[in-house]
Amino acid sequence: MARRSRASWLSLALWCVLYLVVSFVLRPAWLLDLALLVVWAMGATLLWNLDVLRADGQERRHEQ
């Protein structure tokens, strides 16, 4: 459980760093910043959901 939580936070931190690096490189394009923020939010949500689904699958296997 703790390892899964740590991995989720690590992936979220990597998405933040990626967003910051790309936004600094392409600073004049504020519309691109907005698009990157949306992509970041979608990616973070997808990773979180995949993590939750994997945990649910492991719990179901242990229950059977």
PDB file of N, CA and C in Angstrom:
ATOM      1  N   MET A   1       0.828  -1.194   0.000  1.00  0.00           N
ATOM      2  CA  MET A   1       0.000   0.000   0.000  1.00  0.00           C
ATOM      3  C   MET A   1       0.869   1.254   0.000  1.00  0.00           C
ATOM      4  N   ALA A   2       1.879   1.298   0.857  1.00  0.00           N
ATOM      5  CA  ALA A   2       2.742   2.473   0.930  1.00  0.00           C
ATOM      6  C   ALA A   2       3.546   2.625  -0.356  1.00  0.00           C
ATOM      7  N   ARG A   3       3.969   1.502  -0.934  1.00  0.00           N
ATOM      8  CA  ARG A   3       4.738   1.578  -2.172  1.00  0.00           C
ATOM      9  C   ARG A   3       3.886   2.115  -3.310  1.00  0.00           C
ATOM     10  N   ARG A   4       2.616   1.698  -3.356  1.00  0.00           N
ATOM     11  CA  ARG A   4       1.716   2.164  -4.394  1.00  0.00           C
ATOM     12  C   ARG A   4       1.478   3.666  -4.252  1.00  0.00           C
ATOM     13  N   SER A   5       1.282   4.122  -3.030  1.00  0.00           N
ATOM     14  CA  SER A   5       1.053   5.538  -2.780  1.00  0.00           C
ATOM     15  C   SER A   5       2.284   6.357  -3.158  1.00  0.00           C
ATOM     16  N   ARG A   6       3.448   5.842  -2.824  1.00  0.00           N
ATOM     17  CA  ARG A   6       4.694   6.542  -3.164  1.00  0.00           C
ATOM     18  C   ARG A   6       4.847   6.640  -4.674  1.00  0.00           C
ATOM     19  N   ALA A   7       4.519   5.568  -5.400  1.00  0.00           N
ATOM     20  CA  ALA A   7       4.619   5.578  -6.853  1.00  0.00           C
ATOM     21  C   ALA A   7       3.645   6.589  -7.452  1.00  0.00           C
ATOM     22  N   SER A   8       2.457   6.710  -6.882  1.00  0.00           N
ATOM     23  CA  SER A   8       1.490   7.684  -7.375  1.00  0.00           C
ATOM     24  C   SER A   8       2.012   9.102  -7.194  1.00  0.00           C
ATOM     25  N   TRP A   9       2.568   9.375  -6.028  1.00  0.00           N
ATOM     26  CA  TRP A   9       3.106  10.713  -5.781  1.00  0.00           C
ATOM     27  C   TRP A   9       4.308  10.989  -6.666  1.00  0.00           C
ATOM     28  N   LEU A  10       5.115   9.981  -6.914  1.00  0.00           N
ATOM     29  CA  LEU A  10       6.275  10.161  -7.778  1.00  0.00           C
ATOM     30  C   LEU A  10       5.843  10.471  -9.203  1.00  0.00           C
ATOM     31  N   SER A  11       4.845   9.747  -9.708  1.00  0.00           N
ATOM     32  CA  SER A  11       4.372  10.017 -11.065  1.00  0.00           C
ATOM     33  C   SER A  11       3.740  11.404 -11.157  1.00  0.00           C
ATOM     34  N   LEU A  12       3.027  11.817 -10.126  1.00  0.00           N
ATOM     35  CA  LEU A  12       2.445  13.153 -10.108  1.00  0.00           C
ATOM     36  C   LEU A  12       3.546  14.210 -10.107  1.00  0.00           C
ATOM     37  N   ALA A  13       4.606  13.989  -9.337  1.00  0.00           N
ATOM     38  CA  ALA A  13       5.720  14.939  -9.299  1.00  0.00           C
ATOM     39  C   ALA A  13       6.427  15.009 -10.654  1.00  0.00           C
ATOM     40  N   LEU A  14       6.581  13.863 -11.316  1.00  0.00           N
ATOM     41  CA  LEU A  14       7.210  13.869 -12.638  1.00  0.00           C
ATOM     42  C   LEU A  14       6.373  14.633 -13.655  1.00  0.00           C
ATOM     43  N   TRP A  15       5.050  14.505 -13.592  1.00  0.00           N
ATOM     44  CA  TRP A  15       4.170  15.277 -14.476  1.00  0.00           C
ATOM     45  C   TRP A  15       4.337  16.767 -14.211  1.00  0.00           C
ATOM     46  N   CYS A  16       4.444  17.160 -12.943  1.00  0.00           N
ATOM     47  CA  CYS A  16       4.634  18.580 -12.595  1.00  0.00           C
ATOM     48  C   CYS A  16       5.945  19.102 -13.164  1.00  0.00           C
ATOM     49  N   VAL A  17       7.019  18.338 -13.004  1.00  0.00           N
ATOM     50  CA  VAL A  17       8.323  18.761 -13.512  1.00  0.00           C
ATOM     51  C   VAL A  17       8.290  18.873 -15.034  1.00  0.00           C
ATOM     52  N   LEU A  18       7.685  17.905 -15.695  1.00  0.00           N
ATOM     53  CA  LEU A  18       7.572  17.949 -17.152  1.00  0.00           C
ATOM     54  C   LEU A  18       6.806  19.191 -17.598  1.00  0.00           C
ATOM     55  N   TYR A  19       5.705  19.487 -16.927  1.00  0.00           N
ATOM     56  CA  TYR A  19       4.919  20.676 -17.257  1.00  0.00           C
ATOM     57  C   TYR A  19       5.749  21.949 -17.088  1.00  0.00           C
ATOM     58  N   LEU A  20       6.456  22.056 -15.974  1.00  0.00           N
ATOM     59  CA  LEU A  20       7.256  23.262 -15.721  1.00  0.00           C
ATOM     60  C   LEU A  20       8.371  23.432 -16.743  1.00  0.00           C
ATOM     61  N   VAL A  21       9.055  22.345 -17.073  1.00  0.00           N
ATOM     62  CA  VAL A  21      10.153  22.431 -18.041  1.00  0.00           C
ATOM     63  C   VAL A  21       9.623  22.865 -19.402  1.00  0.00           C
ATOM     64  N   VAL A  22       8.568  22.232 -19.876  1.00  0.00           N
ATOM     65  CA  VAL A  22       8.035  22.573 -21.192  1.00  0.00           C
ATOM     66  C   VAL A  22       7.464  23.984 -21.199  1.00  0.00           C
ATOM     67  N   SER A  23       6.815  24.409 -20.123  1.00  0.00           N
ATOM     68  CA  SER A  23       6.250  25.752 -20.106  1.00  0.00           C
ATOM     69  C   SER A  23       7.339  26.822 -20.062  1.00  0.00           C
ATOM     70  N   PHE A  24       8.489  26.538 -19.432  1.00  0.00           N
ATOM     71  CA  PHE A  24       9.581  27.505 -19.442  1.00  0.00           C
ATOM     72  C   PHE A  24      10.232  27.587 -20.823  1.00  0.00           C
ATOM     73  N   VAL A  25      10.332  26.448 -21.501  1.00  0.00           N
ATOM     74  CA  VAL A  25      10.928  26.440 -22.830  1.00  0.00           C
ATOM     75  C   VAL A  25      10.035  27.178 -23.822  1.00  0.00           C
ATOM     76  N   LEU A  26       8.735  27.007 -23.706  1.00  0.00           N
ATOM     77  CA  LEU A  26       7.780  27.611 -24.647  1.00  0.00           C
ATOM     78  C   LEU A  26       6.982  28.723 -23.962  1.00  0.00           C
ATOM     79  N   ARG A  27       7.647  29.566 -23.211  1.00  0.00           N
ATOM     80  CA  ARG A  27       6.993  30.567 -22.373  1.00  0.00           C
ATOM     81  C   ARG A  27       6.041  31.519 -23.098  1.00  0.00           C
ATOM     82  N   PRO A  28       6.355  32.046 -24.282  1.00  0.00           N
ATOM     83  CA  PRO A  28       5.465  33.054 -24.868  1.00  0.00           C
ATOM     84  C   PRO A  28       4.081  32.522 -25.236  1.00  0.00           C
ATOM     85  N   ALA A  29       3.930  31.250 -25.372  1.00  0.00           N
ATOM     86  CA  ALA A  29       2.657  30.699 -25.834  1.00  0.00           C
ATOM     87  C   ALA A  29       1.780  30.343 -24.630  1.00  0.00           C
ATOM     88  N   TRP A  30       0.959  31.289 -24.163  1.00  0.00           N
ATOM     89  CA  TRP A  30       0.130  31.027 -22.983  1.00  0.00           C
ATOM     90  C   TRP A  30      -0.956  30.002 -23.297  1.00  0.00           C
ATOM     91  N   LEU A  31      -1.387  29.939 -24.549  1.00  0.00           N
ATOM     92  CA  LEU A  31      -2.391  28.945 -24.927  1.00  0.00           C
ATOM     93  C   LEU A  31      -1.800  27.539 -24.828  1.00  0.00           C
ATOM     94  N   LEU A  32      -0.534  27.423 -25.175  1.00  0.00           N
ATOM     95  CA  LEU A  32       0.136  26.128 -25.043  1.00  0.00           C
ATOM     96  C   LEU A  32       0.264  25.743 -23.573  1.00  0.00           C
ATOM     97  N   ASP A  33       0.513  26.731 -22.712  1.00  0.00           N
ATOM     98  CA  ASP A  33       0.549  26.458 -21.272  1.00  0.00           C
ATOM     99  C   ASP A  33      -0.775  25.886 -20.792  1.00  0.00           C
ATOM    100  N   LEU A  34      -1.843  26.472 -21.274  1.00  0.00           N
ATOM    101  CA  LEU A  34      -3.174  25.984 -20.894  1.00  0.00           C
ATOM    102  C   LEU A  34      -3.391  24.558 -21.405  1.00  0.00           C
ATOM    103  N   ALA A  35      -2.982  24.310 -22.642  1.00  0.00           N
ATOM    104  CA  ALA A  35      -3.123  22.963 -23.205  1.00  0.00           C
ATOM    105  C   ALA A  35      -2.278  21.956 -22.412  1.00  0.00           C
ATOM    106  N   LEU A  36      -1.071  22.351 -22.032  1.00  0.00           N
ATOM    107  CA  LEU A  36      -0.218  21.453 -21.244  1.00  0.00           C
ATOM    108  C   LEU A  36      -0.814  21.176 -19.872  1.00  0.00           C
ATOM    109  N   LEU A  37      -1.443  22.181 -19.300  1.00  0.00           N
ATOM    110  CA  LEU A  37      -2.094  21.980 -18.005  1.00  0.00           C
ATOM    111  C   LEU A  37      -3.227  20.959 -18.125  1.00  0.00           C
ATOM    112  N   VAL A  38      -3.986  21.052 -19.206  1.00  0.00           N
ATOM    113  CA  VAL A  38      -5.077  20.090 -19.430  1.00  0.00           C
ATOM    114  C   VAL A  38      -4.503  18.688 -19.630  1.00  0.00           C
ATOM    115  N   VAL A  39      -3.447  18.579 -20.430  1.00  0.00           N
ATOM    116  CA  VAL A  39      -2.826  17.270 -20.666  1.00  0.00           C
ATOM    117  C   VAL A  39      -2.257  16.717 -19.368  1.00  0.00           C
ATOM    118  N   TRP A  40      -1.639  17.580 -18.572  1.00  0.00           N
ATOM    119  CA  TRP A  40      -1.098  17.155 -17.286  1.00  0.00           C
ATOM    120  C   TRP A  40      -2.204  16.617 -16.383  1.00  0.00           C
ATOM    121  N   ALA A  41      -3.326  17.341 -16.319  1.00  0.00           N
ATOM    122  CA  ALA A  41      -4.435  16.906 -15.467  1.00  0.00           C
ATOM    123  C   ALA A  41      -4.998  15.566 -15.954  1.00  0.00           C
ATOM    124  N   MET A  42      -5.130  15.420 -17.273  1.00  0.00           N
ATOM    125  CA  MET A  42      -5.639  14.156 -17.809  1.00  0.00           C
ATOM    126  C   MET A  42      -4.670  13.012 -17.520  1.00  0.00           C
ATOM    127  N   GLY A  43      -3.375  13.260 -17.682  1.00  0.00           N
ATOM    128  CA  GLY A  43      -2.382  12.224 -17.418  1.00  0.00           C
ATOM    129  C   GLY A  43      -2.343  11.826 -15.955  1.00  0.00           C
ATOM    130  N   ALA A  44      -2.405  12.812 -15.073  1.00  0.00           N
ATOM    131  CA  ALA A  44      -2.398  12.512 -13.637  1.00  0.00           C
ATOM    132  C   ALA A  44      -3.634  11.714 -13.250  1.00  0.00           C
ATOM    133  N   THR A  45      -4.780  12.099 -13.812  1.00  0.00           N
ATOM    134  CA  THR A  45      -6.021  11.371 -13.524  1.00  0.00           C
ATOM    135  C   THR A  45      -5.952   9.942 -14.055  1.00  0.00           C
ATOM    136  N   LEU A  46      -5.426   9.788 -15.258  1.00  0.00           N
ATOM    137  CA  LEU A  46      -5.299   8.450 -15.844  1.00  0.00           C
ATOM    138  C   LEU A  46      -4.385   7.567 -14.998  1.00  0.00           C
ATOM    139  N   LEU A  47      -3.238   8.114 -14.591  1.00  0.00           N
ATOM    140  CA  LEU A  47      -2.324   7.327 -13.760  1.00  0.00           C
ATOM    141  C   LEU A  47      -2.964   6.958 -12.429  1.00  0.00           C
ATOM    142  N   TRP A  48      -3.686   7.899 -11.840  1.00  0.00           N
ATOM    143  CA  TRP A  48      -4.349   7.628 -10.560  1.00  0.00           C
ATOM    144  C   TRP A  48      -5.392   6.521 -10.733  1.00  0.00           C
ATOM    145  N   ASN A  49      -6.191   6.618 -11.811  1.00  0.00           N
ATOM    146  CA  ASN A  49      -7.236   5.616 -12.037  1.00  0.00           C
ATOM    147  C   ASN A  49      -6.640   4.238 -12.314  1.00  0.00           C
ATOM    148  N   LEU A  50      -5.563   4.190 -13.077  1.00  0.00           N
ATOM    149  CA  LEU A  50      -4.915   2.907 -13.336  1.00  0.00           C
ATOM    150  C   LEU A  50      -4.373   2.298 -12.046  1.00  0.00           C
ATOM    151  N   ASP A  51      -3.838   3.143 -11.185  1.00  0.00           N
ATOM    152  CA  ASP A  51      -3.321   2.675  -9.901  1.00  0.00           C
ATOM    153  C   ASP A  51      -4.452   2.117  -9.040  1.00  0.00           C
ATOM    154  N   VAL A  52      -5.588   2.806  -9.022  1.00  0.00           N
ATOM    155  CA  VAL A  52      -6.739   2.352  -8.241  1.00  0.00           C
ATOM    156  C   VAL A  52      -7.280   1.041  -8.799  1.00  0.00           C
ATOM    157  N   LEU A  53      -7.389   0.937 -10.127  1.00  0.00           N
ATOM    158  CA  LEU A  53      -7.890  -0.295 -10.747  1.00  0.00           C
ATOM    159  C   LEU A  53      -6.961  -1.471 -10.455  1.00  0.00           C
ATOM    160  N   ARG A  54      -5.652  -1.230 -10.506  1.00  0.00           N
ATOM    161  CA  ARG A  54      -4.694  -2.302 -10.222  1.00  0.00           C
ATOM    162  C   ARG A  54      -4.835  -2.760  -8.767  1.00  0.00           C
ATOM    163  N   ALA A  55      -5.016  -1.808  -7.864  1.00  0.00           N
ATOM    164  CA  ALA A  55      -5.180  -2.156  -6.448  1.00  0.00           C
ATOM    165  C   ALA A  55      -6.466  -2.948  -6.234  1.00  0.00           C
ATOM    166  N   ASP A  56      -7.555  -2.552  -6.919  1.00  0.00           N
ATOM    167  CA  ASP A  56      -8.816  -3.293  -6.803  1.00  0.00           C
ATOM    168  C   ASP A  56      -8.658  -4.721  -7.305  1.00  0.00           C
ATOM    169  N   GLY A  57      -7.940  -4.885  -8.417  1.00  0.00           N
ATOM    170  CA  GLY A  57      -7.719  -6.226  -8.957  1.00  0.00           C
ATOM    171  C   GLY A  57      -6.919  -7.095  -8.005  1.00  0.00           C
ATOM    172  N   GLN A  58      -5.923  -6.515  -7.357  1.00  0.00           N
ATOM    173  CA  GLN A  58      -5.122  -7.281  -6.398  1.00  0.00           C
ATOM    174  C   GLN A  58      -5.948  -7.668  -5.179  1.00  0.00           C
ATOM    175  N   GLU A  59      -6.809  -6.754  -4.715  1.00  0.00           N
ATOM    176  CA  GLU A  59      -7.663  -7.066  -3.560  1.00  0.00           C
ATOM    177  C   GLU A  59      -8.651  -8.174  -3.902  1.00  0.00           C
ATOM    178  N   ARG A  60      -9.198  -8.153  -5.098  1.00  0.00           N
ATOM    179  CA  ARG A  60     -10.148  -9.202  -5.492  1.00  0.00           C
ATOM    180  C   ARG A  60      -9.474 -10.557  -5.587  1.00  0.00           C
ATOM    181  N   ARG A  61      -8.226 -10.571  -6.068  1.00  0.00           N
ATOM    182  CA  ARG A  61      -7.503 -11.847  -6.140  1.00  0.00           C
ATOM    183  C   ARG A  61      -7.246 -12.406  -4.748  1.00  0.00           C
ATOM    184  N   HIS A  62      -6.965 -11.522  -3.795  1.00  0.00           N
ATOM    185  CA  HIS A  62      -6.708 -11.987  -2.425  1.00  0.00           C
ATOM    186  C   HIS A  62      -7.989 -12.462  -1.751  1.00  0.00           C
ATOM    187  N   GLU A  63      -9.136 -11.893  -2.132  1.00  0.00           N
ATOM    188  CA  GLU A  63     -10.408 -12.311  -1.538  1.00  0.00           C
ATOM    189  C   GLU A  63     -10.818 -13.694  -2.028  1.00  0.00           C
ATOM    190  N   GLN A  64     -10.453 -14.032  -3.256  1.00  0.00           N
ATOM    191  CA  GLN A  64     -10.857 -15.331  -3.804  1.00  0.00           C
ATOM    192  C   GLN A  64      -9.958 -16.369  -3.280  1.00  0.00           C
TER     193      GLN A  64
END
